[in-house]
Amino acid sequence: MNILEYNRNAWNLQSQEGCRWSTPYPDEVFEQAKAGAWSVILTPNREVPTGWFPSYPDLRGVRILALASGGGQQVPIFAAAGAEVTSYDASDVQLEKDEETCARHGLKIRTRQGDMADLSGLGDESFDLIFNPVSNVFAGDLEPIWKESHRVLKPGGSLLCGFMNPAFFLFDHEVLEETGELVVKYRLPYSDLEHADAELLSNQLDAQLSVEYSHSWESQIGGQCDAGFAITGFYEDDWDEESTRLQGWMPMFAATRAVKL
């Protein structure tokens, strides 16, 4: 099974149906960004600290790689703030939303379709900043993502990354949603393909829902360090209150700022 192609198709379908991450922001958000008033998110709710950007709010001259960040949201904000943005995403529909939103506001960006673990079409030390919202949950191996990100960043450049708390995948979510009971069911690291019940996985694939993986804290944070980054910022975040019954038990997302030494 070609997981990259499967998840690309799954995200195309999800984008066409208009999920939260595939609905472009209102026009006024980008007009405000042009005037210097903007914020972005790596995780569902908390805004990224302004100090994580090389210059705020004016990003003129800053080269940003928006990695798996398509959908007409963050990419047009960065472009409106003056950055030179390349949107790199597996989903062609998500990229089209970036292009359409930017064109409507007179903004220029570059788009490339591909695997976040393979940036071979991008040159060494090409970017000042990589912005990667929660998306490596769809990748089976993080090591090539960190290595490729390190390669294409300039020395002193930053990788801003959001990711899921691996403990999310411990539980039986069907039981949790039906009864509210926390039942530990899976060992970590988790993979839909390896650990989900056969019937549940079959239903998931029939519905063309994306395949997901958990990753340990070591592979998330330690993996960035091993690739040559220094972690200089960290915060945690939650979903909205109604999104899951795990709300309130633990932070379900985290974000890191990693600098290329």
C-alpha atoms as a PDB file:
ATOM      1  CA  MET A   1       0.000   0.000   0.000  1.00  0.00           C
ATOM      2  CA  ASN A   2       1.387   3.408  -1.010  1.00  0.00           C
ATOM      3  CA  ILE A   3       0.659   5.371   2.174  1.00  0.00           C
ATOM      4  CA  LEU A   4       1.733   8.714   0.714  1.00  0.00           C
ATOM      5  CA  GLU A   5      -0.652   8.362  -2.218  1.00  0.00           C
ATOM      6  CA  TYR A   6      -3.456   7.026  -0.018  1.00  0.00           C
ATOM      7  CA  ASN A   7      -3.145   9.919   2.444  1.00  0.00           C
ATOM      8  CA  ARG A   8      -2.897  12.396  -0.429  1.00  0.00           C
ATOM      9  CA  ASN A   9      -6.232  11.172  -1.759  1.00  0.00           C
ATOM     10  CA  ALA A  10      -7.718  11.129   1.739  1.00  0.00           C
ATOM     11  CA  TRP A  11      -6.692  14.735   2.315  1.00  0.00           C
ATOM     12  CA  ASN A  12      -7.959  15.782  -1.103  1.00  0.00           C
ATOM     13  CA  LEU A  13     -11.359  14.370  -0.181  1.00  0.00           C
ATOM     14  CA  GLN A  14     -11.268  15.955   3.267  1.00  0.00           C
ATOM     15  CA  SER A  15     -10.278  19.285   1.758  1.00  0.00           C
ATOM     16  CA  GLN A  16     -13.100  19.135  -0.770  1.00  0.00           C
ATOM     17  CA  GLU A  17     -15.546  18.470   2.065  1.00  0.00           C
ATOM     18  CA  GLY A  18     -14.230  21.560   3.872  1.00  0.00           C
ATOM     19  CA  CYS A  19     -12.862  20.497   7.249  1.00  0.00           C
ATOM     20  CA  ARG A  20     -11.471  23.048   9.713  1.00  0.00           C
ATOM     21  CA  TRP A  21      -7.954  22.796   8.279  1.00  0.00           C
ATOM     22  CA  SER A  22      -9.172  23.077   4.697  1.00  0.00           C
ATOM     23  CA  THR A  23     -11.346  26.176   4.959  1.00  0.00           C
ATOM     24  CA  PRO A  24      -9.566  29.384   3.928  1.00  0.00           C
ATOM     25  CA  TYR A  25      -9.648  32.179   6.478  1.00  0.00           C
ATOM     26  CA  PRO A  26     -11.969  35.156   5.848  1.00  0.00           C
ATOM     27  CA  ASP A  27     -10.649  37.870   3.541  1.00  0.00           C
ATOM     28  CA  GLU A  28     -10.271  40.392   6.370  1.00  0.00           C
ATOM     29  CA  VAL A  29      -7.624  38.188   8.036  1.00  0.00           C
ATOM     30  CA  PHE A  30      -5.280  38.672   5.090  1.00  0.00           C
ATOM     31  CA  GLU A  31      -6.037  42.357   4.735  1.00  0.00           C
ATOM     32  CA  GLN A  32      -5.145  42.806   8.404  1.00  0.00           C
ATOM     33  CA  ALA A  33      -1.907  40.860   7.821  1.00  0.00           C
ATOM     34  CA  LYS A  34      -0.973  43.308   5.069  1.00  0.00           C
ATOM     35  CA  ALA A  35      -1.346  46.056   7.669  1.00  0.00           C
ATOM     36  CA  GLY A  36       0.933  44.213  10.120  1.00  0.00           C
ATOM     37  CA  ALA A  37      -1.673  42.599  12.391  1.00  0.00           C
ATOM     38  CA  TRP A  38      -1.447  38.813  12.163  1.00  0.00           C
ATOM     39  CA  SER A  39      -0.979  35.570  14.054  1.00  0.00           C
ATOM     40  CA  VAL A  40      -0.717  31.902  13.088  1.00  0.00           C
ATOM     41  CA  ILE A  41      -1.142  28.527  14.794  1.00  0.00           C
ATOM     42  CA  LEU A  42       0.873  25.309  14.746  1.00  0.00           C
ATOM     43  CA  THR A  43      -1.667  23.564  17.008  1.00  0.00           C
ATOM     44  CA  PRO A  44      -5.445  24.000  17.273  1.00  0.00           C
ATOM     45  CA  ASN A  45      -5.689  27.014  19.568  1.00  0.00           C
ATOM     46  CA  ARG A  46      -2.531  28.691  20.894  1.00  0.00           C
ATOM     47  CA  GLU A  47      -0.955  31.376  18.759  1.00  0.00           C
ATOM     48  CA  VAL A  48       2.705  30.948  17.892  1.00  0.00           C
ATOM     49  CA  PRO A  49       4.815  33.396  19.969  1.00  0.00           C
ATOM     50  CA  THR A  50       5.811  36.372  17.865  1.00  0.00           C
ATOM     51  CA  GLY A  51       9.397  35.957  19.075  1.00  0.00           C
ATOM     52  CA  TRP A  52       9.632  32.699  17.141  1.00  0.00           C
ATOM     53  CA  PHE A  53       9.752  34.656  13.873  1.00  0.00           C
ATOM     54  CA  PRO A  54      12.947  36.322  12.579  1.00  0.00           C
ATOM     55  CA  SER A  55      11.114  39.639  12.225  1.00  0.00           C
ATOM     56  CA  TYR A  56       7.622  40.462  13.364  1.00  0.00           C
ATOM     57  CA  PRO A  57       5.307  41.689  12.006  1.00  0.00           C
ATOM     58  CA  ASP A  58       7.178  42.608   8.806  1.00  0.00           C
ATOM     59  CA  LEU A  59       8.394  39.451   7.044  1.00  0.00           C
ATOM     60  CA  ARG A  60       9.749  41.125   3.914  1.00  0.00           C
ATOM     61  CA  GLY A  61      12.797  39.249   2.690  1.00  0.00           C
ATOM     62  CA  VAL A  62      12.113  36.202   4.868  1.00  0.00           C
ATOM     63  CA  ARG A  63      12.011  32.950   2.895  1.00  0.00           C
ATOM     64  CA  ILE A  64       9.465  30.541   4.402  1.00  0.00           C
ATOM     65  CA  LEU A  65       8.827  26.901   3.567  1.00  0.00           C
ATOM     66  CA  ALA A  66       5.251  26.110   4.613  1.00  0.00           C
ATOM     67  CA  LEU A  67       5.570  22.354   5.032  1.00  0.00           C
ATOM     68  CA  ALA A  68       2.290  20.377   4.904  1.00  0.00           C
ATOM     69  CA  SER A  69       0.513  23.632   5.683  1.00  0.00           C
ATOM     70  CA  GLY A  70      -1.840  24.031   2.722  1.00  0.00           C
ATOM     71  CA  GLY A  71      -5.501  25.014   2.842  1.00  0.00           C
ATOM     72  CA  GLY A  72      -5.657  28.790   2.418  1.00  0.00           C
ATOM     73  CA  GLN A  73      -4.790  29.693   5.991  1.00  0.00           C
ATOM     74  CA  GLN A  74      -1.205  30.285   7.184  1.00  0.00           C
ATOM     75  CA  VAL A  75       0.396  30.513   3.740  1.00  0.00           C
ATOM     76  CA  PRO A  76      -1.581  33.593   2.601  1.00  0.00           C
ATOM     77  CA  ILE A  77      -0.979  35.221   6.001  1.00  0.00           C
ATOM     78  CA  PHE A  78       2.782  34.874   5.600  1.00  0.00           C
ATOM     79  CA  ALA A  79       2.602  36.170   2.031  1.00  0.00           C
ATOM     80  CA  ALA A  80       0.464  39.127   3.145  1.00  0.00           C
ATOM     81  CA  ALA A  81       3.084  39.906   5.802  1.00  0.00           C
ATOM     82  CA  GLY A  82       5.681  40.151   3.034  1.00  0.00           C
ATOM     83  CA  ALA A  83       7.398  36.750   3.156  1.00  0.00           C
ATOM     84  CA  GLU A  84       8.583  34.807   0.126  1.00  0.00           C
ATOM     85  CA  VAL A  85       6.570  31.618   0.644  1.00  0.00           C
ATOM     86  CA  THR A  86       6.842  28.151  -0.837  1.00  0.00           C
ATOM     87  CA  SER A  87       3.887  25.934   0.047  1.00  0.00           C
ATOM     88  CA  TYR A  88       4.894  22.262  -0.019  1.00  0.00           C
ATOM     89  CA  ASP A  89       2.090  19.764   0.531  1.00  0.00           C
ATOM     90  CA  ALA A  90       1.104  16.238  -0.499  1.00  0.00           C
ATOM     91  CA  SER A  91      -2.460  17.358  -1.252  1.00  0.00           C
ATOM     92  CA  ASP A  92      -2.949  19.122  -4.568  1.00  0.00           C
ATOM     93  CA  VAL A  93      -6.381  20.355  -3.407  1.00  0.00           C
ATOM     94  CA  GLN A  94      -4.834  21.989  -0.335  1.00  0.00           C
ATOM     95  CA  LEU A  95      -2.244  23.655  -2.563  1.00  0.00           C
ATOM     96  CA  GLU A  96      -4.961  24.903  -4.904  1.00  0.00           C
ATOM     97  CA  LYS A  97      -6.653  26.604  -1.948  1.00  0.00           C
ATOM     98  CA  ASP A  98      -3.402  28.382  -1.112  1.00  0.00           C
ATOM     99  CA  GLU A  99      -3.033  29.496  -4.731  1.00  0.00           C
ATOM    100  CA  GLU A 100      -6.651  30.635  -5.083  1.00  0.00           C
ATOM    101  CA  THR A 101      -6.663  32.532  -1.791  1.00  0.00           C
ATOM    102  CA  CYS A 102      -3.376  34.275  -2.548  1.00  0.00           C
ATOM    103  CA  ALA A 103      -4.448  35.183  -6.081  1.00  0.00           C
ATOM    104  CA  ARG A 104      -7.643  36.756  -4.737  1.00  0.00           C
ATOM    105  CA  HIS A 105      -5.550  39.058  -2.552  1.00  0.00           C
ATOM    106  CA  GLY A 106      -2.856  39.837  -5.101  1.00  0.00           C
ATOM    107  CA  LEU A 107      -0.249  37.735  -3.319  1.00  0.00           C
ATOM    108  CA  LYS A 108       2.449  35.645  -4.991  1.00  0.00           C
ATOM    109  CA  ILE A 109       3.599  32.272  -3.688  1.00  0.00           C
ATOM    110  CA  ARG A 110       5.221  29.136  -5.048  1.00  0.00           C
ATOM    111  CA  THR A 111       3.647  25.719  -4.620  1.00  0.00           C
ATOM    112  CA  ARG A 112       5.143  22.253  -4.853  1.00  0.00           C
ATOM    113  CA  GLN A 113       3.387  18.941  -4.384  1.00  0.00           C
ATOM    114  CA  GLY A 114       5.346  16.218  -2.609  1.00  0.00           C
ATOM    115  CA  ASP A 115       6.272  14.164   0.413  1.00  0.00           C
ATOM    116  CA  MET A 116       7.379  16.145   3.489  1.00  0.00           C
ATOM    117  CA  ALA A 117      10.127  13.544   3.971  1.00  0.00           C
ATOM    118  CA  ASP A 118      11.562  14.218   0.502  1.00  0.00           C
ATOM    119  CA  LEU A 119      12.549  17.815  -0.205  1.00  0.00           C
ATOM    120  CA  SER A 120      15.105  16.818  -2.843  1.00  0.00           C
ATOM    121  CA  GLY A 121      13.682  19.371  -5.287  1.00  0.00           C
ATOM    122  CA  LEU A 122      14.650  22.192  -2.924  1.00  0.00           C
ATOM    123  CA  GLY A 123      18.186  23.514  -2.649  1.00  0.00           C
ATOM    124  CA  ASP A 124      20.480  23.420   0.366  1.00  0.00           C
ATOM    125  CA  GLU A 125      20.181  26.382   2.748  1.00  0.00           C
ATOM    126  CA  SER A 126      17.276  27.878   0.792  1.00  0.00           C
ATOM    127  CA  PHE A 127      14.985  29.018   3.627  1.00  0.00           C
ATOM    128  CA  ASP A 128      15.044  31.137   6.752  1.00  0.00           C
ATOM    129  CA  LEU A 129      12.061  29.421   8.362  1.00  0.00           C
ATOM    130  CA  ILE A 130      10.091  26.188   8.032  1.00  0.00           C
ATOM    131  CA  PHE A 131       6.517  26.244   9.325  1.00  0.00           C
ATOM    132  CA  ASN A 132       5.116  22.746   9.895  1.00  0.00           C
ATOM    133  CA  PRO A 133       1.717  22.545  11.676  1.00  0.00           C
ATOM    134  CA  VAL A 134       0.538  19.196  13.062  1.00  0.00           C
ATOM    135  CA  SER A 135       1.033  16.831  10.128  1.00  0.00           C
ATOM    136  CA  ASN A 136       3.791  14.321  10.902  1.00  0.00           C
ATOM    137  CA  VAL A 137       1.058  12.141  12.420  1.00  0.00           C
ATOM    138  CA  PHE A 138       0.573  11.051   8.790  1.00  0.00           C
ATOM    139  CA  ALA A 139       4.232  10.016   8.352  1.00  0.00           C
ATOM    140  CA  GLY A 140       5.614   6.665   9.402  1.00  0.00           C
ATOM    141  CA  ASP A 141       9.215   7.834   9.911  1.00  0.00           C
ATOM    142  CA  LEU A 142      10.288  11.243  11.214  1.00  0.00           C
ATOM    143  CA  GLU A 143      14.047  11.000  10.730  1.00  0.00           C
ATOM    144  CA  PRO A 144      14.048  11.985   7.023  1.00  0.00           C
ATOM    145  CA  ILE A 145      11.731  14.931   7.770  1.00  0.00           C
ATOM    146  CA  TRP A 146      14.151  16.345  10.321  1.00  0.00           C
ATOM    147  CA  LYS A 147      17.201  15.706   8.129  1.00  0.00           C
ATOM    148  CA  GLU A 148      15.632  17.278   5.049  1.00  0.00           C
ATOM    149  CA  SER A 149      14.390  20.263   7.043  1.00  0.00           C
ATOM    150  CA  HIS A 150      17.888  20.797   8.422  1.00  0.00           C
ATOM    151  CA  ARG A 151      19.397  20.594   4.937  1.00  0.00           C
ATOM    152  CA  VAL A 152      17.159  23.224   3.324  1.00  0.00           C
ATOM    153  CA  LEU A 153      17.391  25.719   6.212  1.00  0.00           C
ATOM    154  CA  LYS A 154      20.054  28.395   6.335  1.00  0.00           C
ATOM    155  CA  PRO A 155      22.391  28.334   9.363  1.00  0.00           C
ATOM    156  CA  GLY A 156      20.525  30.011  12.192  1.00  0.00           C
ATOM    157  CA  GLY A 157      17.195  29.265  10.520  1.00  0.00           C
ATOM    158  CA  SER A 158      14.262  27.894  12.484  1.00  0.00           C
ATOM    159  CA  LEU A 159      11.936  24.908  12.198  1.00  0.00           C
ATOM    160  CA  LEU A 160       8.559  25.561  13.846  1.00  0.00           C
ATOM    161  CA  CYS A 161       6.693  22.292  14.282  1.00  0.00           C
ATOM    162  CA  GLY A 162       3.414  21.169  15.858  1.00  0.00           C
ATOM    163  CA  PHE A 163       2.656  17.552  16.752  1.00  0.00           C
ATOM    164  CA  MET A 164       0.308  15.315  18.694  1.00  0.00           C
ATOM    165  CA  ASN A 165       0.886  13.974  22.176  1.00  0.00           C
ATOM    166  CA  PRO A 166       1.655  10.274  21.576  1.00  0.00           C
ATOM    167  CA  ALA A 167      -0.456   9.325  24.611  1.00  0.00           C
ATOM    168  CA  PHE A 168      -3.553  10.185  22.551  1.00  0.00           C
ATOM    169  CA  PHE A 169      -3.121   6.846  20.789  1.00  0.00           C
ATOM    170  CA  LEU A 170      -3.095   4.724  23.951  1.00  0.00           C
ATOM    171  CA  PHE A 171      -6.859   4.623  24.316  1.00  0.00           C
ATOM    172  CA  ASP A 172      -9.857   2.866  22.818  1.00  0.00           C
ATOM    173  CA  HIS A 173     -11.560   5.911  21.343  1.00  0.00           C
ATOM    174  CA  GLU A 174     -14.772   4.094  20.467  1.00  0.00           C
ATOM    175  CA  VAL A 175     -15.310   3.201  24.131  1.00  0.00           C
ATOM    176  CA  LEU A 176     -14.210   6.691  25.179  1.00  0.00           C
ATOM    177  CA  GLU A 177     -16.749   8.428  22.975  1.00  0.00           C
ATOM    178  CA  GLU A 178     -19.568   6.039  23.888  1.00  0.00           C
ATOM    179  CA  THR A 179     -19.068   5.835  27.654  1.00  0.00           C
ATOM    180  CA  GLY A 180     -16.399   8.366  28.626  1.00  0.00           C
ATOM    181  CA  GLU A 181     -14.320   5.533  30.101  1.00  0.00           C
ATOM    182  CA  LEU A 182     -10.566   5.687  29.603  1.00  0.00           C
ATOM    183  CA  VAL A 183      -9.535   2.219  28.431  1.00  0.00           C
ATOM    184  CA  VAL A 184      -5.864   1.717  27.555  1.00  0.00           C
ATOM    185  CA  LYS A 185      -5.819  -0.509  24.483  1.00  0.00           C
ATOM    186  CA  TYR A 186      -2.697   0.070  22.386  1.00  0.00           C
ATOM    187  CA  ARG A 187       1.046  -0.011  22.942  1.00  0.00           C
ATOM    188  CA  LEU A 188       3.131   2.855  21.639  1.00  0.00           C
ATOM    189  CA  PRO A 189       4.317   3.710  19.102  1.00  0.00           C
ATOM    190  CA  TYR A 190       0.975   3.180  17.380  1.00  0.00           C
ATOM    191  CA  SER A 191       0.130   2.684  13.703  1.00  0.00           C
ATOM    192  CA  ASP A 192      -3.352   2.376  12.217  1.00  0.00           C
ATOM    193  CA  LEU A 193      -2.070  -0.223   9.786  1.00  0.00           C
ATOM    194  CA  GLU A 194      -0.411  -2.401  12.428  1.00  0.00           C
ATOM    195  CA  HIS A 195      -2.565  -1.995  15.512  1.00  0.00           C
ATOM    196  CA  ALA A 196      -6.139  -1.074  14.600  1.00  0.00           C
ATOM    197  CA  ASP A 197      -8.709  -3.885  14.675  1.00  0.00           C
ATOM    198  CA  ALA A 198      -9.209  -5.418  11.231  1.00  0.00           C
ATOM    199  CA  GLU A 199     -12.850  -4.346  10.992  1.00  0.00           C
ATOM    200  CA  LEU A 200     -12.115  -0.838  12.243  1.00  0.00           C
ATOM    201  CA  LEU A 201      -9.237  -0.446   9.792  1.00  0.00           C
ATOM    202  CA  SER A 202     -11.361  -1.769   6.930  1.00  0.00           C
ATOM    203  CA  ASN A 203     -14.069   0.769   7.697  1.00  0.00           C
ATOM    204  CA  GLN A 204     -11.463   3.510   7.938  1.00  0.00           C
ATOM    205  CA  LEU A 205      -9.985   2.665   4.544  1.00  0.00           C
ATOM    206  CA  ASP A 206     -13.410   2.308   2.943  1.00  0.00           C
ATOM    207  CA  ALA A 207     -14.276   5.784   4.202  1.00  0.00           C
ATOM    208  CA  GLN A 208     -10.933   7.082   2.835  1.00  0.00           C
ATOM    209  CA  LEU A 209      -9.903   8.462   6.213  1.00  0.00           C
ATOM    210  CA  SER A 210      -6.211   9.251   6.543  1.00  0.00           C
ATOM    211  CA  VAL A 211      -3.833   6.696   8.070  1.00  0.00           C
ATOM    212  CA  GLU A 212      -2.108   7.929  11.241  1.00  0.00           C
ATOM    213  CA  TYR A 213       0.930   7.078  13.339  1.00  0.00           C
ATOM    214  CA  SER A 214       2.020   8.041  16.841  1.00  0.00           C
ATOM    215  CA  HIS A 215       5.615   9.066  17.480  1.00  0.00           C
ATOM    216  CA  SER A 216       7.508   9.062  20.737  1.00  0.00           C
ATOM    217  CA  TRP A 217       8.753  12.232  22.417  1.00  0.00           C
ATOM    218  CA  GLU A 218      12.252  10.944  21.697  1.00  0.00           C
ATOM    219  CA  SER A 219      11.630  10.727  17.958  1.00  0.00           C
ATOM    220  CA  GLN A 220       9.919  14.118  17.945  1.00  0.00           C
ATOM    221  CA  ILE A 221      12.278  16.189  20.100  1.00  0.00           C
ATOM    222  CA  GLY A 222      15.346  13.953  20.238  1.00  0.00           C
ATOM    223  CA  GLY A 223      15.084  13.399  16.489  1.00  0.00           C
ATOM    224  CA  GLN A 224      15.317  17.143  15.847  1.00  0.00           C
ATOM    225  CA  CYS A 225      18.380  17.359  18.097  1.00  0.00           C
ATOM    226  CA  ASP A 226      20.005  14.408  16.340  1.00  0.00           C
ATOM    227  CA  ALA A 227      19.479  16.152  12.989  1.00  0.00           C
ATOM    228  CA  GLY A 228      21.469  19.154  14.219  1.00  0.00           C
ATOM    229  CA  PHE A 229      18.797  21.391  15.736  1.00  0.00           C
ATOM    230  CA  ALA A 230      18.732  23.045  19.137  1.00  0.00           C
ATOM    231  CA  ILE A 231      15.281  23.276  20.736  1.00  0.00           C
ATOM    232  CA  THR A 232      14.824  26.876  21.856  1.00  0.00           C
ATOM    233  CA  GLY A 233      11.062  26.981  22.448  1.00  0.00           C
ATOM    234  CA  PHE A 234       8.258  24.655  23.513  1.00  0.00           C
ATOM    235  CA  TYR A 235       4.586  24.889  24.474  1.00  0.00           C
ATOM    236  CA  GLU A 236       1.549  22.614  24.802  1.00  0.00           C
ATOM    237  CA  ASP A 237      -2.028  22.996  23.607  1.00  0.00           C
ATOM    238  CA  ASP A 238      -5.469  21.352  23.678  1.00  0.00           C
ATOM    239  CA  TRP A 239      -8.300  20.776  21.281  1.00  0.00           C
ATOM    240  CA  ASP A 240     -11.563  22.636  21.662  1.00  0.00           C
ATOM    241  CA  GLU A 241     -13.611  21.413  24.606  1.00  0.00           C
ATOM    242  CA  GLU A 242     -16.157  19.494  22.546  1.00  0.00           C
ATOM    243  CA  SER A 243     -13.617  17.809  20.265  1.00  0.00           C
ATOM    244  CA  THR A 244     -12.722  14.815  22.441  1.00  0.00           C
ATOM    245  CA  ARG A 245     -13.426  13.344  25.838  1.00  0.00           C
ATOM    246  CA  LEU A 246      -9.701  13.371  26.521  1.00  0.00           C
ATOM    247  CA  GLN A 247     -10.012  17.136  26.879  1.00  0.00           C
ATOM    248  CA  GLY A 248      -8.849  18.183  30.323  1.00  0.00           C
ATOM    249  CA  TRP A 249      -6.892  15.011  31.055  1.00  0.00           C
ATOM    250  CA  MET A 250      -3.695  16.079  29.339  1.00  0.00           C
ATOM    251  CA  PRO A 251      -2.436  18.501  26.678  1.00  0.00           C
ATOM    252  CA  MET A 252      -2.952  16.784  23.349  1.00  0.00           C
ATOM    253  CA  PHE A 253      -0.583  18.860  21.226  1.00  0.00           C
ATOM    254  CA  ALA A 254       2.844  20.432  21.504  1.00  0.00           C
ATOM    255  CA  ALA A 255       4.931  22.805  19.432  1.00  0.00           C
ATOM    256  CA  THR A 256       8.678  23.312  19.195  1.00  0.00           C
ATOM    257  CA  ARG A 257      10.982  25.972  17.871  1.00  0.00           C
ATOM    258  CA  ALA A 258      14.233  24.389  16.692  1.00  0.00           C
ATOM    259  CA  VAL A 259      17.215  26.382  15.414  1.00  0.00           C
ATOM    260  CA  LYS A 260      19.778  25.058  12.963  1.00  0.00           C
ATOM    261  CA  LEU A 261      23.139  25.365  14.660  1.00  0.00           C
END
